[in-house]
Amino acid sequence: MNRIDFYHLQKQSLDQVLPKLIEKAYQLKKNINILIGNEERVEYINSLLWTFNDEKFIPHGSKKDGFCEMQPIFLSAENINPNNASLLFIVDDADVIIENINNYERIFYIFDGNSEFSLNKARILWKALKNSGNNLNYWQQDSTGKWEQKA
C-alpha cells in the first residue's frame, strides 16, 4: 500500500509551493520524479528549480539535460522512472498511469483548486486510488496558506 498525498492549492500557486515541497522531500535522501502535464512546463519547472532560492541547490534535470538515470530529481511529461525514484510528484494535471503508482513509496498529487478541470481530475483519481486500497491523505491550505490535513 502506498501513501498518496493530495495537495489542494488555493492560496498559493504551484510555482510557490512545488520548490518547497521538493526541497523537503529531497532531504529524505530518496530519488524523486516529477510528472508534469506537458514538455513546455517540464522546461519551465526545470528553470524554476534552478532559480527559486539563491542559497540552496536542488540537483535535478530532464531528458533534455541527459543522464536521466543519474538525476536525483527527474522531471518529465512521461510516465517513466529512469532514476529508480521512490517519490513521485504529479503536477499540472499530468496523466498518471495508475498501475505505475505501485512503483513508488509515496506520491504527491498537487492540483489547482481554482480550476474546475483540475478539481474534477483530482476527484476522479482520488476515487480510483481509494478503491485500490491506497493510504490517501488530503491537504488543503488555510487562509494563511498553511497546509492542514482534512479528514
N, C-alpha and C. Protein backbone atom coordinates (compact mmCIF):
# COMPACT_ATOMS: atom_id res chain seq x y z
N MET A 1 0.83 -1.18 0.00
CA MET A 1 0.00 0.00 0.00
C MET A 1 0.88 1.25 0.00
N ASN A 2 0.54 2.19 -0.85
CA ASN A 2 1.32 3.42 -0.99
C ASN A 2 0.66 4.56 -0.24
N ARG A 3 1.48 5.52 0.15
CA ARG A 3 0.94 6.75 0.72
C ARG A 3 0.81 7.75 -0.42
N ILE A 4 -0.38 8.29 -0.55
CA ILE A 4 -0.65 9.26 -1.60
C ILE A 4 -1.25 10.50 -0.96
N ASP A 5 -0.55 11.63 -1.13
CA ASP A 5 -0.99 12.90 -0.56
C ASP A 5 -1.50 13.81 -1.66
N PHE A 6 -2.73 14.27 -1.51
CA PHE A 6 -3.33 15.22 -2.43
C PHE A 6 -3.17 16.61 -1.82
N TYR A 7 -2.55 17.52 -2.57
CA TYR A 7 -2.36 18.90 -2.11
C TYR A 7 -3.25 19.82 -2.95
N HIS A 8 -4.23 20.40 -2.29
CA HIS A 8 -5.24 21.25 -2.92
C HIS A 8 -4.78 22.71 -2.82
N LEU A 9 -4.26 23.24 -3.93
CA LEU A 9 -3.77 24.63 -3.94
C LEU A 9 -4.95 25.59 -3.98
N GLN A 10 -4.91 26.59 -3.08
CA GLN A 10 -5.94 27.61 -3.08
C GLN A 10 -5.35 29.00 -2.89
N LYS A 11 -4.40 29.13 -2.01
CA LYS A 11 -3.85 30.45 -1.67
C LYS A 11 -2.54 30.76 -2.37
N GLN A 12 -1.86 29.72 -2.83
CA GLN A 12 -0.57 29.89 -3.48
C GLN A 12 -0.57 29.14 -4.80
N SER A 13 0.35 29.53 -5.65
CA SER A 13 0.46 28.87 -6.96
C SER A 13 1.40 27.67 -6.85
N LEU A 14 1.38 26.85 -7.87
CA LEU A 14 2.30 25.72 -7.95
C LEU A 14 3.75 26.21 -7.89
N ASP A 15 4.03 27.32 -8.54
CA ASP A 15 5.39 27.88 -8.55
C ASP A 15 5.87 28.21 -7.14
N GLN A 16 4.98 28.59 -6.26
CA GLN A 16 5.34 28.93 -4.89
C GLN A 16 5.48 27.69 -4.01
N VAL A 17 4.66 26.69 -4.27
CA VAL A 17 4.57 25.51 -3.41
C VAL A 17 5.53 24.40 -3.79
N LEU A 18 5.62 24.09 -5.08
CA LEU A 18 6.40 22.93 -5.53
C LEU A 18 7.86 22.97 -5.09
N PRO A 19 8.60 24.07 -5.29
CA PRO A 19 10.01 24.04 -4.86
C PRO A 19 10.19 23.74 -3.37
N LYS A 20 9.30 24.25 -2.54
CA LYS A 20 9.41 24.00 -1.10
C LYS A 20 9.14 22.53 -0.77
N LEU A 21 8.13 21.95 -1.42
CA LEU A 21 7.83 20.54 -1.18
C LEU A 21 8.96 19.64 -1.71
N ILE A 22 9.50 19.99 -2.86
CA ILE A 22 10.62 19.22 -3.42
C ILE A 22 11.82 19.30 -2.49
N GLU A 23 12.08 20.49 -2.00
CA GLU A 23 13.21 20.70 -1.09
C GLU A 23 13.07 19.81 0.16
N LYS A 24 11.87 19.76 0.73
CA LYS A 24 11.62 18.90 1.90
C LYS A 24 11.79 17.43 1.55
N ALA A 25 11.21 17.02 0.43
CA ALA A 25 11.28 15.62 0.02
C ALA A 25 12.73 15.20 -0.26
N TYR A 26 13.51 16.11 -0.84
CA TYR A 26 14.90 15.80 -1.17
C TYR A 26 15.72 15.50 0.10
N GLN A 27 15.33 16.07 1.21
CA GLN A 27 16.01 15.81 2.48
C GLN A 27 15.87 14.36 2.93
N LEU A 28 14.92 13.64 2.36
CA LEU A 28 14.72 12.22 2.70
C LEU A 28 15.78 11.33 2.05
N LYS A 29 16.61 11.91 1.18
CA LYS A 29 17.70 11.20 0.52
C LYS A 29 17.19 10.07 -0.39
N LYS A 30 16.05 10.34 -1.03
CA LYS A 30 15.48 9.38 -1.97
C LYS A 30 15.32 10.07 -3.31
N ASN A 31 15.46 9.31 -4.39
CA ASN A 31 15.27 9.89 -5.71
C ASN A 31 13.80 10.26 -5.92
N ILE A 32 13.62 11.31 -6.72
CA ILE A 32 12.30 11.89 -6.94
C ILE A 32 12.04 12.00 -8.44
N ASN A 33 10.80 11.72 -8.84
CA ASN A 33 10.33 12.02 -10.18
C ASN A 33 9.24 13.07 -10.06
N ILE A 34 9.24 13.99 -11.01
CA ILE A 34 8.17 14.97 -11.10
C ILE A 34 7.50 14.76 -12.45
N LEU A 35 6.26 14.30 -12.43
CA LEU A 35 5.48 14.08 -13.64
C LEU A 35 4.68 15.35 -13.92
N ILE A 36 4.93 15.95 -15.08
CA ILE A 36 4.40 17.27 -15.42
C ILE A 36 3.50 17.15 -16.65
N GLY A 37 2.50 18.00 -16.73
CA GLY A 37 1.47 17.93 -17.76
C GLY A 37 1.93 17.97 -19.19
N ASN A 38 3.00 18.71 -19.51
CA ASN A 38 3.48 18.77 -20.90
C ASN A 38 4.95 19.21 -20.92
N GLU A 39 5.59 19.02 -22.08
CA GLU A 39 7.03 19.28 -22.21
C GLU A 39 7.41 20.74 -21.96
N GLU A 40 6.56 21.68 -22.39
CA GLU A 40 6.88 23.09 -22.16
C GLU A 40 6.98 23.38 -20.67
N ARG A 41 6.05 22.81 -19.92
CA ARG A 41 6.05 23.02 -18.47
C ARG A 41 7.22 22.28 -17.81
N VAL A 42 7.67 21.18 -18.40
CA VAL A 42 8.86 20.49 -17.87
C VAL A 42 10.03 21.46 -17.85
N GLU A 43 10.26 22.12 -18.96
CA GLU A 43 11.40 23.05 -19.03
C GLU A 43 11.18 24.28 -18.15
N TYR A 44 9.95 24.73 -18.03
CA TYR A 44 9.66 25.86 -17.15
C TYR A 44 9.97 25.50 -15.69
N ILE A 45 9.49 24.34 -15.24
CA ILE A 45 9.73 23.92 -13.85
C ILE A 45 11.21 23.60 -13.64
N ASN A 46 11.87 23.07 -14.65
CA ASN A 46 13.32 22.85 -14.59
C ASN A 46 14.02 24.17 -14.28
N SER A 47 13.66 25.22 -14.98
CA SER A 47 14.24 26.55 -14.74
C SER A 47 13.86 27.08 -13.37
N LEU A 48 12.62 26.89 -12.99
CA LEU A 48 12.14 27.35 -11.69
C LEU A 48 12.97 26.76 -10.55
N LEU A 49 13.26 25.47 -10.63
CA LEU A 49 14.02 24.82 -9.56
C LEU A 49 15.46 25.32 -9.50
N TRP A 50 15.98 25.84 -10.60
CA TRP A 50 17.33 26.42 -10.59
C TRP A 50 17.33 27.78 -9.91
N THR A 51 16.23 28.50 -9.99
CA THR A 51 16.25 29.91 -9.59
C THR A 51 15.43 30.26 -8.36
N PHE A 52 14.68 29.34 -7.79
CA PHE A 52 13.76 29.71 -6.72
C PHE A 52 14.45 30.12 -5.43
N ASN A 53 15.68 29.67 -5.19
CA ASN A 53 16.38 30.01 -3.96
C ASN A 53 17.87 30.17 -4.25
N ASP A 54 18.38 31.34 -3.99
CA ASP A 54 19.80 31.62 -4.26
C ASP A 54 20.74 30.92 -3.29
N GLU A 55 20.22 30.47 -2.16
CA GLU A 55 21.07 29.89 -1.11
C GLU A 55 21.10 28.37 -1.10
N LYS A 56 20.18 27.72 -1.82
CA LYS A 56 20.12 26.27 -1.79
C LYS A 56 20.13 25.73 -3.21
N PHE A 57 20.72 24.56 -3.35
CA PHE A 57 20.80 23.89 -4.65
C PHE A 57 20.06 22.57 -4.57
N ILE A 58 19.16 22.36 -5.49
CA ILE A 58 18.45 21.09 -5.59
C ILE A 58 18.85 20.46 -6.92
N PRO A 59 19.64 19.39 -6.89
CA PRO A 59 20.10 18.77 -8.15
C PRO A 59 18.94 18.10 -8.88
N HIS A 60 18.77 18.47 -10.13
CA HIS A 60 17.65 17.95 -10.91
C HIS A 60 17.96 18.09 -12.40
N GLY A 61 17.13 17.45 -13.18
CA GLY A 61 17.27 17.57 -14.63
C GLY A 61 16.13 16.87 -15.35
N SER A 62 16.09 17.11 -16.65
CA SER A 62 15.07 16.50 -17.51
C SER A 62 15.78 15.67 -18.58
N LYS A 63 15.00 15.06 -19.44
CA LYS A 63 15.57 14.27 -20.54
C LYS A 63 16.49 15.13 -21.40
N LYS A 64 16.13 16.38 -21.54
CA LYS A 64 16.92 17.32 -22.34
C LYS A 64 18.33 17.51 -21.75
N ASP A 65 18.47 17.38 -20.43
CA ASP A 65 19.76 17.54 -19.77
C ASP A 65 20.63 16.29 -19.86
N GLY A 66 20.02 15.17 -20.19
CA GLY A 66 20.77 13.91 -20.29
C GLY A 66 20.99 13.27 -18.93
N PHE A 67 21.63 12.12 -18.94
CA PHE A 67 21.97 11.38 -17.73
C PHE A 67 20.75 11.15 -16.84
N CYS A 68 19.63 10.79 -17.44
CA CYS A 68 18.36 10.64 -16.72
C CYS A 68 18.48 9.73 -15.51
N GLU A 69 19.19 8.62 -15.67
CA GLU A 69 19.30 7.64 -14.59
C GLU A 69 20.13 8.16 -13.42
N MET A 70 20.90 9.23 -13.63
CA MET A 70 21.75 9.78 -12.58
C MET A 70 21.13 10.99 -11.88
N GLN A 71 20.00 11.46 -12.35
CA GLN A 71 19.37 12.65 -11.77
C GLN A 71 18.67 12.28 -10.46
N PRO A 72 19.02 12.93 -9.35
CA PRO A 72 18.31 12.66 -8.09
C PRO A 72 16.85 13.10 -8.17
N ILE A 73 16.61 14.15 -8.97
CA ILE A 73 15.26 14.64 -9.21
C ILE A 73 15.10 14.74 -10.72
N PHE A 74 14.17 13.94 -11.25
CA PHE A 74 13.98 13.87 -12.68
C PHE A 74 12.62 14.42 -13.05
N LEU A 75 12.59 15.34 -14.01
CA LEU A 75 11.36 15.98 -14.47
C LEU A 75 10.99 15.44 -15.84
N SER A 76 9.70 15.11 -16.03
CA SER A 76 9.28 14.55 -17.30
C SER A 76 7.78 14.71 -17.49
N ALA A 77 7.35 14.71 -18.73
CA ALA A 77 5.93 14.66 -19.06
C ALA A 77 5.51 13.23 -19.39
N GLU A 78 6.42 12.29 -19.20
CA GLU A 78 6.16 10.88 -19.50
C GLU A 78 6.10 10.07 -18.20
N ASN A 79 5.32 9.01 -18.22
CA ASN A 79 5.23 8.10 -17.07
C ASN A 79 6.40 7.13 -17.10
N ILE A 80 7.59 7.64 -16.77
CA ILE A 80 8.80 6.81 -16.75
C ILE A 80 9.52 7.01 -15.42
N ASN A 81 10.40 6.09 -15.10
CA ASN A 81 11.15 6.17 -13.84
C ASN A 81 12.61 5.79 -14.09
N PRO A 82 13.34 6.57 -14.88
CA PRO A 82 14.70 6.19 -15.23
C PRO A 82 15.69 6.27 -14.07
N ASN A 83 15.38 7.06 -13.05
CA ASN A 83 16.30 7.22 -11.92
C ASN A 83 15.90 6.35 -10.72
N ASN A 84 14.99 5.41 -10.95
CA ASN A 84 14.53 4.49 -9.92
C ASN A 84 14.06 5.26 -8.68
N ALA A 85 13.23 6.26 -8.90
CA ALA A 85 12.75 7.12 -7.82
C ALA A 85 11.79 6.38 -6.90
N SER A 86 11.79 6.79 -5.64
CA SER A 86 10.84 6.29 -4.64
C SER A 86 9.69 7.24 -4.43
N LEU A 87 9.90 8.51 -4.78
CA LEU A 87 8.89 9.54 -4.57
C LEU A 87 8.46 10.11 -5.92
N LEU A 88 7.15 10.31 -6.07
CA LEU A 88 6.60 10.84 -7.32
C LEU A 88 5.73 12.05 -7.02
N PHE A 89 6.04 13.16 -7.68
CA PHE A 89 5.19 14.35 -7.65
C PHE A 89 4.45 14.40 -8.98
N ILE A 90 3.13 14.63 -8.92
CA ILE A 90 2.31 14.76 -10.11
C ILE A 90 1.72 16.16 -10.11
N VAL A 91 2.02 16.94 -11.15
CA VAL A 91 1.58 18.33 -11.20
C VAL A 91 1.03 18.67 -12.58
N ASP A 92 0.41 19.85 -12.67
CA ASP A 92 -0.08 20.38 -13.95
C ASP A 92 -1.04 19.43 -14.66
N ASP A 93 -1.88 18.75 -13.88
CA ASP A 93 -2.89 17.85 -14.45
C ASP A 93 -2.29 16.75 -15.32
N ALA A 94 -1.08 16.33 -14.98
CA ALA A 94 -0.43 15.25 -15.73
C ALA A 94 -1.27 13.98 -15.66
N ASP A 95 -1.28 13.26 -16.75
CA ASP A 95 -1.99 11.98 -16.80
C ASP A 95 -1.08 10.90 -16.20
N VAL A 96 -1.57 10.28 -15.16
CA VAL A 96 -0.79 9.25 -14.49
C VAL A 96 -1.37 7.88 -14.83
N ILE A 97 -0.50 6.92 -14.99
CA ILE A 97 -0.93 5.53 -15.19
C ILE A 97 -1.01 4.90 -13.80
N ILE A 98 -2.21 4.57 -13.39
CA ILE A 98 -2.43 4.12 -12.01
C ILE A 98 -1.56 2.92 -11.66
N GLU A 99 -1.35 2.02 -12.61
CA GLU A 99 -0.52 0.85 -12.32
C GLU A 99 0.92 1.26 -11.98
N ASN A 100 1.39 2.37 -12.52
CA ASN A 100 2.75 2.84 -12.24
C ASN A 100 2.91 3.37 -10.83
N ILE A 101 1.83 3.75 -10.19
CA ILE A 101 1.91 4.29 -8.84
C ILE A 101 2.50 3.28 -7.87
N ASN A 102 2.28 2.00 -8.12
CA ASN A 102 2.82 0.96 -7.24
C ASN A 102 4.34 0.91 -7.25
N ASN A 103 4.97 1.60 -8.21
CA ASN A 103 6.43 1.63 -8.27
C ASN A 103 7.05 2.65 -7.31
N TYR A 104 6.22 3.39 -6.60
CA TYR A 104 6.69 4.46 -5.72
C TYR A 104 6.22 4.23 -4.28
N GLU A 105 7.04 4.66 -3.33
CA GLU A 105 6.66 4.59 -1.91
C GLU A 105 5.62 5.64 -1.57
N ARG A 106 5.83 6.83 -2.14
CA ARG A 106 4.96 7.95 -1.80
C ARG A 106 4.71 8.81 -3.03
N ILE A 107 3.46 9.28 -3.14
CA ILE A 107 3.05 10.10 -4.27
C ILE A 107 2.47 11.40 -3.73
N PHE A 108 2.84 12.49 -4.39
CA PHE A 108 2.32 13.82 -4.06
C PHE A 108 1.56 14.31 -5.28
N TYR A 109 0.25 14.44 -5.16
CA TYR A 109 -0.57 14.92 -6.27
C TYR A 109 -0.97 16.35 -5.93
N ILE A 110 -0.46 17.30 -6.70
CA ILE A 110 -0.70 18.71 -6.42
C ILE A 110 -1.60 19.27 -7.50
N PHE A 111 -2.73 19.85 -7.09
CA PHE A 111 -3.69 20.33 -8.08
C PHE A 111 -4.21 21.71 -7.72
N ASP A 112 -4.63 22.44 -8.74
CA ASP A 112 -5.11 23.81 -8.62
C ASP A 112 -6.58 23.80 -8.23
N GLY A 113 -6.86 24.22 -7.00
CA GLY A 113 -8.24 24.24 -6.51
C GLY A 113 -9.09 25.33 -7.14
N ASN A 114 -8.48 26.21 -7.91
CA ASN A 114 -9.23 27.28 -8.57
C ASN A 114 -9.63 26.90 -9.99
N SER A 115 -9.29 25.70 -10.39
CA SER A 115 -9.63 25.21 -11.74
C SER A 115 -10.62 24.06 -11.62
N GLU A 116 -11.77 24.22 -12.24
CA GLU A 116 -12.79 23.16 -12.21
C GLU A 116 -12.25 21.88 -12.86
N PHE A 117 -11.50 22.03 -13.94
CA PHE A 117 -10.90 20.87 -14.61
C PHE A 117 -9.97 20.11 -13.66
N SER A 118 -9.10 20.84 -12.97
CA SER A 118 -8.15 20.21 -12.04
C SER A 118 -8.87 19.55 -10.86
N LEU A 119 -9.89 20.22 -10.34
CA LEU A 119 -10.67 19.64 -9.24
C LEU A 119 -11.32 18.33 -9.65
N ASN A 120 -11.94 18.33 -10.82
CA ASN A 120 -12.60 17.11 -11.30
C ASN A 120 -11.61 15.99 -11.54
N LYS A 121 -10.46 16.33 -12.11
CA LYS A 121 -9.44 15.32 -12.37
C LYS A 121 -8.93 14.72 -11.05
N ALA A 122 -8.73 15.57 -10.05
CA ALA A 122 -8.28 15.09 -8.73
C ALA A 122 -9.33 14.19 -8.09
N ARG A 123 -10.59 14.55 -8.21
CA ARG A 123 -11.67 13.73 -7.64
C ARG A 123 -11.72 12.34 -8.29
N ILE A 124 -11.58 12.32 -9.60
CA ILE A 124 -11.60 11.04 -10.32
C ILE A 124 -10.43 10.16 -9.88
N LEU A 125 -9.25 10.75 -9.78
CA LEU A 125 -8.07 9.99 -9.36
C LEU A 125 -8.23 9.51 -7.92
N TRP A 126 -8.74 10.38 -7.04
CA TRP A 126 -8.96 10.01 -5.63
C TRP A 126 -9.84 8.76 -5.55
N LYS A 127 -10.96 8.77 -6.27
CA LYS A 127 -11.89 7.63 -6.24
C LYS A 127 -11.22 6.36 -6.76
N ALA A 128 -10.48 6.47 -7.84
CA ALA A 128 -9.81 5.30 -8.41
C ALA A 128 -8.77 4.74 -7.43
N LEU A 129 -8.02 5.62 -6.78
CA LEU A 129 -6.98 5.17 -5.85
C LEU A 129 -7.58 4.65 -4.55
N LYS A 130 -8.64 5.25 -4.10
CA LYS A 130 -9.30 4.80 -2.86
C LYS A 130 -9.83 3.38 -3.04
N ASN A 131 -10.39 3.11 -4.21
CA ASN A 131 -10.92 1.78 -4.49
C ASN A 131 -9.83 0.72 -4.58
N SER A 132 -8.58 1.14 -4.79
CA SER A 132 -7.49 0.17 -4.89
C SER A 132 -6.75 0.00 -3.56
N GLY A 133 -7.28 0.58 -2.48
CA GLY A 133 -6.76 0.33 -1.14
C GLY A 133 -5.51 1.10 -0.74
N ASN A 134 -5.24 2.21 -1.39
CA ASN A 134 -4.07 3.02 -1.03
C ASN A 134 -4.36 3.88 0.20
N ASN A 135 -3.30 4.33 0.84
CA ASN A 135 -3.39 5.22 2.00
C ASN A 135 -3.45 6.66 1.49
N LEU A 136 -4.65 7.24 1.43
CA LEU A 136 -4.83 8.57 0.87
C LEU A 136 -4.91 9.62 1.96
N ASN A 137 -4.27 10.77 1.70
CA ASN A 137 -4.30 11.91 2.60
C ASN A 137 -4.62 13.15 1.79
N TYR A 138 -5.42 14.02 2.38
CA TYR A 138 -5.86 15.23 1.69
C TYR A 138 -5.41 16.45 2.47
N TRP A 139 -4.70 17.34 1.80
CA TRP A 139 -4.18 18.56 2.42
C TRP A 139 -4.76 19.76 1.70
N GLN A 140 -5.19 20.74 2.50
CA GLN A 140 -5.75 21.96 1.94
C GLN A 140 -5.13 23.15 2.66
N GLN A 141 -4.96 24.25 1.94
CA GLN A 141 -4.38 25.44 2.53
C GLN A 141 -5.43 26.22 3.32
N ASP A 142 -5.01 26.71 4.51
CA ASP A 142 -5.90 27.57 5.28
C ASP A 142 -5.79 29.00 4.76
N SER A 143 -6.40 29.94 5.45
CA SER A 143 -6.42 31.32 4.97
C SER A 143 -5.04 31.97 4.92
N THR A 144 -4.07 31.41 5.65
CA THR A 144 -2.71 31.96 5.63
C THR A 144 -1.80 31.21 4.66
N GLY A 145 -2.31 30.15 4.05
CA GLY A 145 -1.51 29.36 3.12
C GLY A 145 -0.86 28.15 3.76
N LYS A 146 -1.07 27.96 5.07
CA LYS A 146 -0.51 26.81 5.78
C LYS A 146 -1.32 25.55 5.44
N TRP A 147 -0.61 24.42 5.32
CA TRP A 147 -1.27 23.16 4.97
C TRP A 147 -1.96 22.55 6.19
N GLU A 148 -3.22 22.13 6.00
CA GLU A 148 -3.97 21.44 7.03
C GLU A 148 -4.46 20.12 6.46
N GLN A 149 -4.27 19.06 7.22
CA GLN A 149 -4.79 17.77 6.76
C GLN A 149 -6.27 17.69 7.08
N LYS A 150 -7.05 17.31 6.09
CA LYS A 150 -8.50 17.19 6.24
C LYS A 150 -8.87 15.72 6.30
N ALA A 151 -9.94 15.46 7.00
CA ALA A 151 -10.39 14.07 7.14
C ALA A 151 -11.18 13.62 5.95
